[in-house]
Amino acid sequence: MMAENITEEAVYQAVAQVKHPEIDCSLNELGMIKDITVKDESVTVTLALPMLGIPVSIIDYLVNSLRETVTQLGLGLKFEVKLTGMNQEERQTFFAMARERWKGWK
């Protein structure tokens, strides 16, 4: 598939498959995918972190997982992740799901 055919919906569907490394949920289910923008051959995903101080290894894992998934959608696709923080309500939902579905770092 050529990159110019990529839609935000296609990116959402692809990103919905990306799982958190420690929690048995997708990033989408956890509320970590805030926004997806597709412009020309560029995809930007806004990733919400539940708190500051998350280990760099986990952030790298999440970003690389998203990059691998998105760049499979089209040749020559440029990919960027913007990091943001969750608000109080989003954080509470995230931690409730984390407690329920925790599996630990693989």
Protein backbone atom coordinates (compact mmCIF):
# COMPACT_ATOMS: atom_id res chain seq x y z
CA MET A 1 0.00 0.00 0.00
CA MET A 2 1.30 3.44 -0.84
CA ALA A 3 1.62 5.95 1.96
CA GLU A 4 -0.74 8.51 0.39
CA ASN A 5 -3.67 6.11 0.87
CA ILE A 6 -3.24 6.02 4.63
CA THR A 7 -6.23 7.27 6.63
CA GLU A 8 -6.45 8.12 10.31
CA GLU A 9 -8.95 5.25 10.65
CA ALA A 10 -6.40 2.78 9.23
CA VAL A 11 -3.79 4.05 11.69
CA TYR A 12 -6.26 3.76 14.60
CA GLN A 13 -7.04 0.16 13.62
CA ALA A 14 -3.33 -0.72 13.40
CA VAL A 15 -2.44 1.02 16.66
CA ALA A 16 -5.36 -0.71 18.43
CA GLN A 17 -3.33 -3.95 18.16
CA VAL A 18 -0.35 -2.58 20.12
CA LYS A 19 -0.26 -4.05 23.64
CA HIS A 20 1.32 -2.60 26.76
CA PRO A 21 4.40 -4.66 27.76
CA GLU A 22 3.35 -4.98 31.42
CA ILE A 23 -0.44 -4.85 31.28
CA ASP A 24 -2.59 -7.25 29.28
CA CYS A 25 -4.38 -4.43 27.41
CA SER A 26 -3.84 -2.43 24.26
CA LEU A 27 -2.54 1.13 24.55
CA ASN A 28 -5.90 2.22 23.18
CA GLU A 29 -7.84 0.38 25.91
CA LEU A 30 -5.61 2.02 28.51
CA GLY A 31 -6.40 5.48 27.14
CA MET A 32 -2.78 6.06 26.12
CA ILE A 33 -3.54 6.92 22.47
CA LYS A 34 -4.77 10.51 22.61
CA ASP A 35 -4.65 11.58 19.00
CA ILE A 36 -3.60 10.42 15.56
CA THR A 37 -2.92 12.85 12.74
CA VAL A 38 -2.19 11.89 9.14
CA LYS A 39 -0.83 14.64 6.90
CA ASP A 40 0.70 13.88 3.51
CA GLU A 41 3.00 10.92 4.24
CA SER A 42 3.43 11.77 7.90
CA VAL A 43 1.72 10.12 10.87
CA THR A 44 1.81 11.66 14.33
CA VAL A 45 0.55 9.69 17.33
CA THR A 46 0.07 11.44 20.67
CA LEU A 47 0.88 9.00 23.47
CA ALA A 48 -0.38 9.85 26.96
CA LEU A 49 1.76 8.67 29.87
CA PRO A 50 0.09 8.07 33.24
CA MET A 51 2.93 9.79 35.11
CA LEU A 52 6.38 11.26 34.77
CA GLY A 53 9.29 9.03 35.62
CA ILE A 54 8.25 6.01 33.56
CA PRO A 55 11.44 4.08 32.75
CA VAL A 56 12.95 5.06 29.40
CA SER A 57 13.05 1.36 28.44
CA ILE A 58 9.24 1.19 28.60
CA ILE A 59 8.75 4.46 26.71
CA ASP A 60 11.20 3.24 24.03
CA TYR A 61 9.35 -0.07 23.82
CA LEU A 62 5.98 1.70 23.38
CA VAL A 63 7.31 4.15 20.78
CA ASN A 64 9.11 1.40 18.83
CA SER A 65 6.02 -0.84 18.90
CA LEU A 66 3.89 2.01 17.55
CA ARG A 67 6.52 2.87 14.92
CA GLU A 68 6.75 -0.75 13.69
CA THR A 69 2.97 -1.05 13.48
CA VAL A 70 2.40 2.27 11.70
CA THR A 71 5.28 2.02 9.23
CA GLN A 72 3.94 -1.35 8.04
CA LEU A 73 0.93 0.56 6.67
CA GLY A 74 2.87 2.24 3.88
CA LEU A 75 6.25 2.64 2.27
CA GLY A 76 8.10 5.84 3.07
CA LEU A 77 5.75 6.79 5.87
CA LYS A 78 7.23 9.29 8.33
CA PHE A 79 6.31 8.59 11.95
CA GLU A 80 6.43 10.76 15.04
CA VAL A 81 5.26 10.26 18.62
CA LYS A 82 4.34 13.20 20.81
CA LEU A 83 4.34 12.48 24.54
CA THR A 84 1.80 14.05 26.85
CA GLY A 85 0.54 13.40 30.37
CA MET A 86 -2.80 11.96 31.44
CA ASN A 87 -5.24 13.99 33.47
CA GLN A 88 -6.44 12.80 36.89
CA GLU A 89 -9.47 10.91 35.54
CA GLU A 90 -7.50 9.19 32.76
CA ARG A 91 -4.80 8.24 35.27
CA GLN A 92 -7.37 6.67 37.63
CA THR A 93 -8.82 4.60 34.77
CA PHE A 94 -5.32 3.56 33.66
CA PHE A 95 -4.27 2.39 37.14
CA ALA A 96 -7.56 0.55 37.73
CA MET A 97 -7.01 -1.41 34.50
CA ALA A 98 -3.33 -1.91 35.35
CA ARG A 99 -4.19 -3.46 38.72
CA GLU A 100 -6.72 -5.77 37.08
CA ARG A 101 -4.61 -6.88 34.11
CA TRP A 102 -0.99 -6.63 35.37
CA LYS A 103 1.36 -9.27 33.99
CA GLY A 104 4.81 -7.72 34.56
CA TRP A 105 7.65 -6.78 32.25
CA LYS A 106 8.56 -9.55 29.85
